Amino acid sequence: MNTFLKYWMSNDFKYAEICVDMEELQLEILFDGIPTMERNADVKRMYRIDERGSHFILGGIDIKRGNGMTATIVYNEAVIKARALWMIVWDNISI
């Protein structure tokens, strides 16, 4: 997954989100060599799922690629199932 994140940071993927089940989630390995910005749970952002609804994202870990596009990695077990991470790619207007 670390290699995937590094690839995302250096390319122009066109997706809005991805959810990945992990055998074991070790953040120090996941983010090795990747600049991150951890957001506290008091940082609340709205992610529009589709025209029928949206989801509030509390906290998470942000990564940014060269063109300014930001993605938030959410791994809180209260938000998504255990051992999974959710990556939301924001358009530059949403955040």
PDB file of N, CA and C in Angstrom:
ATOM      1  N   MET A   1       0.829  -1.192   0.000  1.00  0.00           N
ATOM      2  CA  MET A   1       0.000   0.000   0.000  1.00  0.00           C
ATOM      3  C   MET A   1       0.874   1.256   0.000  1.00  0.00           C
ATOM      4  N   ASN A   2       2.018   1.201   0.650  1.00  0.00           N
ATOM      5  CA  ASN A   2       2.945   2.329   0.647  1.00  0.00           C
ATOM      6  C   ASN A   2       3.354   2.671  -0.786  1.00  0.00           C
ATOM      7  N   THR A   3       3.649   1.658  -1.574  1.00  0.00           N
ATOM      8  CA  THR A   3       4.033   1.871  -2.970  1.00  0.00           C
ATOM      9  C   THR A   3       2.889   2.503  -3.754  1.00  0.00           C
ATOM     10  N   PHE A   4       1.659   2.066  -3.497  1.00  0.00           N
ATOM     11  CA  PHE A   4       0.490   2.643  -4.158  1.00  0.00           C
ATOM     12  C   PHE A   4       0.354   4.129  -3.816  1.00  0.00           C
ATOM     13  N   LEU A   5       0.500   4.485  -2.539  1.00  0.00           N
ATOM     14  CA  LEU A   5       0.384   5.885  -2.137  1.00  0.00           C
ATOM     15  C   LEU A   5       1.462   6.736  -2.806  1.00  0.00           C
ATOM     16  N   LYS A   6       2.676   6.224  -2.860  1.00  0.00           N
ATOM     17  CA  LYS A   6       3.756   6.960  -3.525  1.00  0.00           C
ATOM     18  C   LYS A   6       3.465   7.113  -5.015  1.00  0.00           C
ATOM     19  N   TYR A   7       2.914   6.080  -5.633  1.00  0.00           N
ATOM     20  CA  TYR A   7       2.548   6.158  -7.047  1.00  0.00           C
ATOM     21  C   TYR A   7       1.440   7.193  -7.253  1.00  0.00           C
ATOM     22  N   TRP A   8       0.437   7.199  -6.368  1.00  0.00           N
ATOM     23  CA  TRP A   8      -0.641   8.190  -6.458  1.00  0.00           C
ATOM     24  C   TRP A   8      -0.072   9.600  -6.385  1.00  0.00           C
ATOM     25  N   MET A   9       0.904   9.794  -5.500  1.00  0.00           N
ATOM     26  CA  MET A   9       1.474  11.127  -5.316  1.00  0.00           C
ATOM     27  C   MET A   9       2.233  11.619  -6.545  1.00  0.00           C
ATOM     28  N   SER A  10       2.725  10.711  -7.366  1.00  0.00           N
ATOM     29  CA  SER A  10       3.545  11.117  -8.505  1.00  0.00           C
ATOM     30  C   SER A  10       2.824  10.989  -9.850  1.00  0.00           C
ATOM     31  N   ASN A  11       1.548  10.641  -9.836  1.00  0.00           N
ATOM     32  CA  ASN A  11       0.795  10.451 -11.078  1.00  0.00           C
ATOM     33  C   ASN A  11      -0.545  11.175 -11.012  1.00  0.00           C
ATOM     34  N   ASP A  12      -1.337  11.012 -12.049  1.00  0.00           N
ATOM     35  CA  ASP A  12      -2.601  11.738 -12.164  1.00  0.00           C
ATOM     36  C   ASP A  12      -3.780  10.767 -12.180  1.00  0.00           C
ATOM     37  N   PHE A  13      -3.906   9.972 -11.106  1.00  0.00           N
ATOM     38  CA  PHE A  13      -5.048   9.060 -11.009  1.00  0.00           C
ATOM     39  C   PHE A  13      -6.345   9.848 -10.999  1.00  0.00           C
ATOM     40  N   LYS A  14      -7.394   9.279 -11.567  1.00  0.00           N
ATOM     41  CA  LYS A  14      -8.691   9.950 -11.670  1.00  0.00           C
ATOM     42  C   LYS A  14      -9.752   9.191 -10.884  1.00  0.00           C
ATOM     43  N   TYR A  15      -9.620   9.098  -9.593  1.00  0.00           N
ATOM     44  CA  TYR A  15     -10.658   8.466  -8.783  1.00  0.00           C
ATOM     45  C   TYR A  15     -10.919   9.317  -7.554  1.00  0.00           C
ATOM     46  N   ALA A  16     -12.070   9.116  -6.954  1.00  0.00           N
ATOM     47  CA  ALA A  16     -12.474   9.935  -5.818  1.00  0.00           C
ATOM     48  C   ALA A  16     -12.214   9.264  -4.480  1.00  0.00           C
ATOM     49  N   GLU A  17     -12.275   7.935  -4.440  1.00  0.00           N
ATOM     50  CA  GLU A  17     -12.066   7.245  -3.171  1.00  0.00           C
ATOM     51  C   GLU A  17     -11.689   5.794  -3.419  1.00  0.00           C
ATOM     52  N   ILE A  18     -11.085   5.213  -2.397  1.00  0.00           N
ATOM     53  CA  ILE A  18     -10.753   3.797  -2.437  1.00  0.00           C
ATOM     54  C   ILE A  18     -10.774   3.280  -1.001  1.00  0.00           C
ATOM     55  N   CYS A  19     -11.283   2.087  -0.825  1.00  0.00           N
ATOM     56  CA  CYS A  19     -11.285   1.444   0.487  1.00  0.00           C
ATOM     57  C   CYS A  19     -10.536   0.125   0.342  1.00  0.00           C
ATOM     58  N   VAL A  20      -9.568  -0.102   1.220  1.00  0.00           N
ATOM     59  CA  VAL A  20      -8.701  -1.268   1.112  1.00  0.00           C
ATOM     60  C   VAL A  20      -8.691  -2.012   2.438  1.00  0.00           C
ATOM     61  N   ASP A  21      -8.952  -3.312   2.382  1.00  0.00           N
ATOM     62  CA  ASP A  21      -8.808  -4.163   3.564  1.00  0.00           C
ATOM     63  C   ASP A  21      -7.335  -4.508   3.717  1.00  0.00           C
ATOM     64  N   MET A  22      -6.842  -4.414   4.935  1.00  0.00           N
ATOM     65  CA  MET A  22      -5.434  -4.685   5.215  1.00  0.00           C
ATOM     66  C   MET A  22      -5.330  -5.838   6.201  1.00  0.00           C
ATOM     67  N   GLU A  23      -4.315  -6.667   6.039  1.00  0.00           N
ATOM     68  CA  GLU A  23      -4.055  -7.723   7.022  1.00  0.00           C
ATOM     69  C   GLU A  23      -3.766  -7.095   8.379  1.00  0.00           C
ATOM     70  N   GLU A  24      -2.860  -6.131   8.355  1.00  0.00           N
ATOM     71  CA  GLU A  24      -2.472  -5.435   9.575  1.00  0.00           C
ATOM     72  C   GLU A  24      -2.139  -4.006   9.185  1.00  0.00           C
ATOM     73  N   LEU A  25      -2.671  -3.052   9.906  1.00  0.00           N
ATOM     74  CA  LEU A  25      -2.470  -1.648   9.579  1.00  0.00           C
ATOM     75  C   LEU A  25      -1.370  -1.080  10.472  1.00  0.00           C
ATOM     76  N   GLN A  26      -0.190  -0.868   9.894  1.00  0.00           N
ATOM     77  CA  GLN A  26       0.941  -0.289  10.611  1.00  0.00           C
ATOM     78  C   GLN A  26       1.266   1.048   9.961  1.00  0.00           C
ATOM     79  N   LEU A  27       0.877   2.126  10.620  1.00  0.00           N
ATOM     80  CA  LEU A  27       0.992   3.453  10.029  1.00  0.00           C
ATOM     81  C   LEU A  27       2.424   3.839   9.712  1.00  0.00           C
ATOM     82  N   GLU A  28       3.381   3.433  10.546  1.00  0.00           N
ATOM     83  CA  GLU A  28       4.776   3.801  10.291  1.00  0.00           C
ATOM     84  C   GLU A  28       5.293   3.166   9.001  1.00  0.00           C
ATOM     85  N   ILE A  29       4.791   2.003   8.650  1.00  0.00           N
ATOM     86  CA  ILE A  29       5.166   1.352   7.388  1.00  0.00           C
ATOM     87  C   ILE A  29       4.353   1.931   6.235  1.00  0.00           C
ATOM     88  N   LEU A  30       3.067   2.133   6.459  1.00  0.00           N
ATOM     89  CA  LEU A  30       2.187   2.674   5.426  1.00  0.00           C
ATOM     90  C   LEU A  30       2.684   4.016   4.905  1.00  0.00           C
ATOM     91  N   PHE A  31       3.123   4.896   5.809  1.00  0.00           N
ATOM     92  CA  PHE A  31       3.511   6.253   5.429  1.00  0.00           C
ATOM     93  C   PHE A  31       5.021   6.460   5.363  1.00  0.00           C
ATOM     94  N   ASP A  32       5.802   5.392   5.350  1.00  0.00           N
ATOM     95  CA  ASP A  32       7.255   5.510   5.288  1.00  0.00           C
ATOM     96  C   ASP A  32       7.675   6.273   4.031  1.00  0.00           C
ATOM     97  N   GLY A  33       8.387   7.382   4.217  1.00  0.00           N
ATOM     98  CA  GLY A  33       8.855   8.180   3.090  1.00  0.00           C
ATOM     99  C   GLY A  33       7.813   9.083   2.469  1.00  0.00           C
ATOM    100  N   ILE A  34       6.656   9.227   3.115  1.00  0.00           N
ATOM    101  CA  ILE A  34       5.565  10.052   2.591  1.00  0.00           C
ATOM    102  C   ILE A  34       5.285  11.191   3.571  1.00  0.00           C
ATOM    103  N   PRO A  35       5.386  12.446   3.117  1.00  0.00           N
ATOM    104  CA  PRO A  35       5.030  13.560   4.000  1.00  0.00           C
ATOM    105  C   PRO A  35       3.534  13.518   4.318  1.00  0.00           C
ATOM    106  N   THR A  36       3.199  13.640   5.582  1.00  0.00           N
ATOM    107  CA  THR A  36       1.799  13.572   6.012  1.00  0.00           C
ATOM    108  C   THR A  36       1.461  14.752   6.907  1.00  0.00           C
ATOM    109  N   MET A  37       0.177  15.014   7.027  1.00  0.00           N
ATOM    110  CA  MET A  37      -0.320  15.984   7.993  1.00  0.00           C
ATOM    111  C   MET A  37      -1.489  15.332   8.719  1.00  0.00           C
ATOM    112  N   GLU A  38      -1.290  15.044   9.993  1.00  0.00           N
ATOM    113  CA  GLU A  38      -2.355  14.414  10.770  1.00  0.00           C
ATOM    114  C   GLU A  38      -3.372  15.466  11.181  1.00  0.00           C
ATOM    115  N   ARG A  39      -4.634  15.155  10.964  1.00  0.00           N
ATOM    116  CA  ARG A  39      -5.741  16.048  11.328  1.00  0.00           C
ATOM    117  C   ARG A  39      -6.430  15.491  12.565  1.00  0.00           C
ATOM    118  N   ASN A  40      -6.641  16.349  13.547  1.00  0.00           N
ATOM    119  CA  ASN A  40      -7.356  15.930  14.755  1.00  0.00           C
ATOM    120  C   ASN A  40      -8.828  15.693  14.442  1.00  0.00           C
ATOM    121  N   ALA A  41      -9.497  15.001  15.340  1.00  0.00           N
ATOM    122  CA  ALA A  41     -10.916  14.675  15.145  1.00  0.00           C
ATOM    123  C   ALA A  41     -11.799  15.919  15.124  1.00  0.00           C
ATOM    124  N   ASP A  42     -11.281  17.059  15.582  1.00  0.00           N
ATOM    125  CA  ASP A  42     -12.088  18.280  15.539  1.00  0.00           C
ATOM    126  C   ASP A  42     -12.091  18.919  14.142  1.00  0.00           C
ATOM    127  N   VAL A  43     -11.287  18.402  13.221  1.00  0.00           N
ATOM    128  CA  VAL A  43     -11.319  18.861  11.828  1.00  0.00           C
ATOM    129  C   VAL A  43     -12.397  18.055  11.113  1.00  0.00           C
ATOM    130  N   LYS A  44     -13.453  18.750  10.715  1.00  0.00           N
ATOM    131  CA  LYS A  44     -14.626  18.102  10.122  1.00  0.00           C
ATOM    132  C   LYS A  44     -14.777  18.584   8.682  1.00  0.00           C
ATOM    133  N   ARG A  45     -14.757  17.635   7.745  1.00  0.00           N
ATOM    134  CA  ARG A  45     -14.916  17.969   6.330  1.00  0.00           C
ATOM    135  C   ARG A  45     -16.032  17.125   5.744  1.00  0.00           C
ATOM    136  N   MET A  46     -16.753  17.698   4.800  1.00  0.00           N
ATOM    137  CA  MET A  46     -17.866  16.986   4.189  1.00  0.00           C
ATOM    138  C   MET A  46     -17.426  16.393   2.853  1.00  0.00           C
ATOM    139  N   TYR A  47     -17.641  15.088   2.713  1.00  0.00           N
ATOM    140  CA  TYR A  47     -17.355  14.381   1.466  1.00  0.00           C
ATOM    141  C   TYR A  47     -18.685  14.008   0.835  1.00  0.00           C
ATOM    142  N   ARG A  48     -18.955  14.552  -0.330  1.00  0.00           N
ATOM    143  CA  ARG A  48     -20.211  14.276  -1.035  1.00  0.00           C
ATOM    144  C   ARG A  48     -20.083  12.953  -1.774  1.00  0.00           C
ATOM    145  N   ILE A  49     -20.855  11.969  -1.348  1.00  0.00           N
ATOM    146  CA  ILE A  49     -20.805  10.636  -1.931  1.00  0.00           C
ATOM    147  C   ILE A  49     -21.454  10.639  -3.310  1.00  0.00           C
ATOM    148  N   ASP A  50     -22.641  11.187  -3.392  1.00  0.00           N
ATOM    149  CA  ASP A  50     -23.355  11.344  -4.656  1.00  0.00           C
ATOM    150  C   ASP A  50     -24.459  12.358  -4.423  1.00  0.00           C
ATOM    151  N   GLU A  51     -25.354  12.505  -5.389  1.00  0.00           N
ATOM    152  CA  GLU A  51     -26.418  13.516  -5.250  1.00  0.00           C
ATOM    153  C   GLU A  51     -27.392  13.201  -4.126  1.00  0.00           C
ATOM    154  N   ARG A  52     -27.363  11.978  -3.606  1.00  0.00           N
ATOM    155  CA  ARG A  52     -28.293  11.588  -2.543  1.00  0.00           C
ATOM    156  C   ARG A  52     -27.744  11.801  -1.139  1.00  0.00           C
ATOM    157  N   GLY A  53     -26.473  12.053  -1.008  1.00  0.00           N
ATOM    158  CA  GLY A  53     -25.974  12.207   0.342  1.00  0.00           C
ATOM    159  C   GLY A  53     -24.497  12.522   0.435  1.00  0.00           C
ATOM    160  N   SER A  54     -24.076  12.753   1.668  1.00  0.00           N
ATOM    161  CA  SER A  54     -22.686  13.073   1.943  1.00  0.00           C
ATOM    162  C   SER A  54     -22.285  12.437   3.266  1.00  0.00           C
ATOM    163  N   HIS A  55     -21.015  12.486   3.546  1.00  0.00           N
ATOM    164  CA  HIS A  55     -20.469  11.868   4.745  1.00  0.00           C
ATOM    165  C   HIS A  55     -19.486  12.855   5.364  1.00  0.00           C
ATOM    166  N   PHE A  56     -19.543  13.039   6.673  1.00  0.00           N
ATOM    167  CA  PHE A  56     -18.584  13.903   7.339  1.00  0.00           C
ATOM    168  C   PHE A  56     -17.346  13.105   7.695  1.00  0.00           C
ATOM    169  N   ILE A  57     -16.195  13.638   7.360  1.00  0.00           N
ATOM    170  CA  ILE A  57     -14.909  13.028   7.660  1.00  0.00           C
ATOM    171  C   ILE A  57     -14.324  13.789   8.844  1.00  0.00           C
ATOM    172  N   LEU A  58     -14.049  13.073   9.914  1.00  0.00           N
ATOM    173  CA  LEU A  58     -13.463  13.678  11.107  1.00  0.00           C
ATOM    174  C   LEU A  58     -11.999  13.276  11.188  1.00  0.00           C
ATOM    175  N   GLY A  59     -11.118  14.262  11.146  1.00  0.00           N
ATOM    176  CA  GLY A  59      -9.690  13.987  11.256  1.00  0.00           C
ATOM    177  C   GLY A  59      -9.145  13.253  10.054  1.00  0.00           C
ATOM    178  N   GLY A  60      -8.196  12.356  10.312  1.00  0.00           N
ATOM    179  CA  GLY A  60      -7.554  11.586   9.256  1.00  0.00           C
ATOM    180  C   GLY A  60      -6.129  12.051   9.030  1.00  0.00           C
ATOM    181  N   ILE A  61      -5.504  11.468   8.051  1.00  0.00           N
ATOM    182  CA  ILE A  61      -4.132  11.824   7.696  1.00  0.00           C
ATOM    183  C   ILE A  61      -4.131  12.274   6.244  1.00  0.00           C
ATOM    184  N   ASP A  62      -3.670  13.501   6.014  1.00  0.00           N
ATOM    185  CA  ASP A  62      -3.636  14.067   4.668  1.00  0.00           C
ATOM    186  C   ASP A  62      -2.285  13.811   4.016  1.00  0.00           C
ATOM    187  N   ILE A  63      -2.335  13.509   2.717  1.00  0.00           N
ATOM    188  CA  ILE A  63      -1.143  13.484   1.881  1.00  0.00           C
ATOM    189  C   ILE A  63      -1.445  14.359   0.673  1.00  0.00           C
ATOM    190  N   LYS A  64      -0.401  14.931   0.094  1.00  0.00           N
ATOM    191  CA  LYS A  64      -0.613  15.860  -1.016  1.00  0.00           C
ATOM    192  C   LYS A  64       0.358  15.528  -2.137  1.00  0.00           C
ATOM    193  N   ARG A  65      -0.148  15.595  -3.373  1.00  0.00           N
ATOM    194  CA  ARG A  65       0.747  15.372  -4.498  1.00  0.00           C
ATOM    195  C   ARG A  65       1.178  16.700  -5.109  1.00  0.00           C
ATOM    196  N   GLY A  66       2.095  16.627  -6.057  1.00  0.00           N
ATOM    197  CA  GLY A  66       2.717  17.807  -6.624  1.00  0.00           C
ATOM    198  C   GLY A  66       1.773  18.824  -7.226  1.00  0.00           C
ATOM    199  N   ASN A  67       0.630  18.390  -7.754  1.00  0.00           N
ATOM    200  CA  ASN A  67      -0.309  19.321  -8.381  1.00  0.00           C
ATOM    201  C   ASN A  67      -1.262  19.963  -7.374  1.00  0.00           C
ATOM    202  N   GLY A  68      -1.033  19.711  -6.074  1.00  0.00           N
ATOM    203  CA  GLY A  68      -1.864  20.305  -5.035  1.00  0.00           C
ATOM    204  C   GLY A  68      -3.046  19.460  -4.609  1.00  0.00           C
ATOM    205  N   MET A  69      -3.325  18.370  -5.311  1.00  0.00           N
ATOM    206  CA  MET A  69      -4.436  17.491  -4.957  1.00  0.00           C
ATOM    207  C   MET A  69      -4.148  16.839  -3.607  1.00  0.00           C
ATOM    208  N   THR A  70      -5.157  16.843  -2.733  1.00  0.00           N
ATOM    209  CA  THR A  70      -5.019  16.288  -1.390  1.00  0.00           C
ATOM    210  C   THR A  70      -5.895  15.061  -1.243  1.00  0.00           C
ATOM    211  N   ALA A  71      -5.380  14.073  -0.529  1.00  0.00           N
ATOM    212  CA  ALA A  71      -6.153  12.884  -0.173  1.00  0.00           C
ATOM    213  C   ALA A  71      -6.095  12.726   1.338  1.00  0.00           C
ATOM    214  N   THR A  72      -7.182  12.265   1.914  1.00  0.00           N
ATOM    215  CA  THR A  72      -7.239  11.984   3.344  1.00  0.00           C
ATOM    216  C   THR A  72      -7.378  10.488   3.536  1.00  0.00           C
ATOM    217  N   ILE A  73      -6.546   9.952   4.407  1.00  0.00           N
ATOM    218  CA  ILE A  73      -6.595   8.540   4.762  1.00  0.00           C
ATOM    219  C   ILE A  73      -7.309   8.439   6.100  1.00  0.00           C
ATOM    220  N   VAL A  74      -8.400   7.692   6.129  1.00  0.00           N
ATOM    221  CA  VAL A  74      -9.177   7.481   7.350  1.00  0.00           C
ATOM    222  C   VAL A  74      -9.028   6.020   7.734  1.00  0.00           C
ATOM    223  N   TYR A  75      -8.681   5.778   8.968  1.00  0.00           N
ATOM    224  CA  TYR A  75      -8.497   4.400   9.416  1.00  0.00           C
ATOM    225  C   TYR A  75      -9.157   4.135  10.751  1.00  0.00           C
ATOM    226  N   ASN A  76      -9.919   5.074  11.250  1.00  0.00           N
ATOM    227  CA  ASN A  76     -10.591   4.954  12.538  1.00  0.00           C
ATOM    228  C   ASN A  76     -11.602   3.817  12.495  1.00  0.00           C
ATOM    229  N   GLU A  77     -11.455   2.856  13.379  1.00  0.00           N
ATOM    230  CA  GLU A  77     -12.344   1.697  13.376  1.00  0.00           C
ATOM    231  C   GLU A  77     -13.798   2.062  13.653  1.00  0.00           C
ATOM    232  N   ALA A  78     -14.041   3.212  14.262  1.00  0.00           N
ATOM    233  CA  ALA A  78     -15.420   3.635  14.505  1.00  0.00           C
ATOM    234  C   ALA A  78     -16.078   4.109  13.213  1.00  0.00           C
ATOM    235  N   VAL A  79     -15.272   4.510  12.236  1.00  0.00           N
ATOM    236  CA  VAL A  79     -15.798   5.029  10.977  1.00  0.00           C
ATOM    237  C   VAL A  79     -15.926   3.923   9.937  1.00  0.00           C
ATOM    238  N   ILE A  80     -14.911   3.107   9.829  1.00  0.00           N
ATOM    239  CA  ILE A  80     -14.916   2.010   8.865  1.00  0.00           C
ATOM    240  C   ILE A  80     -14.517   0.742   9.582  1.00  0.00           C
ATOM    241  N   LYS A  81     -14.708  -0.385   8.933  1.00  0.00           N
ATOM    242  CA  LYS A  81     -14.429  -1.651   9.607  1.00  0.00           C
ATOM    243  C   LYS A  81     -12.946  -1.786   9.953  1.00  0.00           C
ATOM    244  N   ALA A  82     -12.682  -2.572  10.969  1.00  0.00           N
ATOM    245  CA  ALA A  82     -11.317  -2.763  11.445  1.00  0.00           C
ATOM    246  C   ALA A  82     -10.421  -3.273  10.320  1.00  0.00           C
ATOM    247  N   ARG A  83      -9.169  -2.886  10.367  1.00  0.00           N
ATOM    248  CA  ARG A  83      -8.141  -3.296   9.412  1.00  0.00           C
ATOM    249  C   ARG A  83      -8.397  -2.791   8.002  1.00  0.00           C
ATOM    250  N   ALA A  84      -9.146  -1.761   7.869  1.00  0.00           N
ATOM    251  CA  ALA A  84      -9.385  -1.181   6.549  1.00  0.00           C
ATOM    252  C   ALA A  84      -8.995   0.288   6.587  1.00  0.00           C
ATOM    253  N   LEU A  85      -8.637   0.792   5.440  1.00  0.00           N
ATOM    254  CA  LEU A  85      -8.424   2.231   5.358  1.00  0.00           C
ATOM    255  C   LEU A  85      -9.217   2.764   4.181  1.00  0.00           C
ATOM    256  N   TRP A  86      -9.613   3.990   4.325  1.00  0.00           N
ATOM    257  CA  TRP A  86     -10.437   4.669   3.332  1.00  0.00           C
ATOM    258  C   TRP A  86      -9.653   5.885   2.875  1.00  0.00           C
ATOM    259  N   MET A  87      -9.424   6.011   1.591  1.00  0.00           N
ATOM    260  CA  MET A  87      -8.699   7.142   1.030  1.00  0.00           C
ATOM    261  C   MET A  87      -9.673   7.967   0.207  1.00  0.00           C
ATOM    262  N   ILE A  88      -9.847   9.215   0.610  1.00  0.00           N
ATOM    263  CA  ILE A  88     -10.741  10.140  -0.082  1.00  0.00           C
ATOM    264  C   ILE A  88      -9.885  11.178  -0.791  1.00  0.00           C
ATOM    265  N   VAL A  89     -10.071  11.330  -2.086  1.00  0.00           N
ATOM    266  CA  VAL A  89      -9.340  12.331  -2.852  1.00  0.00           C
ATOM    267  C   VAL A  89     -10.256  13.532  -3.016  1.00  0.00           C
ATOM    268  N   TRP A  90      -9.794  14.663  -2.530  1.00  0.00           N
ATOM    269  CA  TRP A  90     -10.590  15.891  -2.563  1.00  0.00           C
ATOM    270  C   TRP A  90     -10.289  16.653  -3.838  1.00  0.00           C
ATOM    271  N   ASP A  91     -11.324  17.261  -4.406  1.00  0.00           N
ATOM    272  CA  ASP A  91     -11.019  18.252  -5.430  1.00  0.00           C
ATOM    273  C   ASP A  91     -10.573  19.488  -4.665  1.00  0.00           C
ATOM    274  N   ASN A  92      -9.890  20.377  -5.310  1.00  0.00           N
ATOM    275  CA  ASN A  92      -9.313  21.520  -4.606  1.00  0.00           C
ATOM    276  C   ASN A  92     -10.360  22.482  -4.070  1.00  0.00           C
ATOM    277  N   ILE A  93     -11.610  22.305  -4.446  1.00  0.00           N
ATOM    278  CA  ILE A  93     -12.686  23.171  -3.969  1.00  0.00           C
ATOM    279  C   ILE A  93     -13.277  22.643  -2.670  1.00  0.00           C
ATOM    280  N   SER A  94     -13.265  21.330  -2.465  1.00  0.00           N
ATOM    281  CA  SER A  94     -13.974  20.703  -1.346  1.00  0.00           C
ATOM    282  C   SER A  94     -13.337  20.931   0.011  1.00  0.00           C
ATOM    283  N   ILE A  95     -12.024  21.130   0.056  1.00  0.00           N
ATOM    284  CA  ILE A  95     -11.366  21.177   1.365  1.00  0.00           C
ATOM    285  C   ILE A  95     -11.093  22.576   1.832  1.00  0.00           C
TER     286      ILE A  95
END
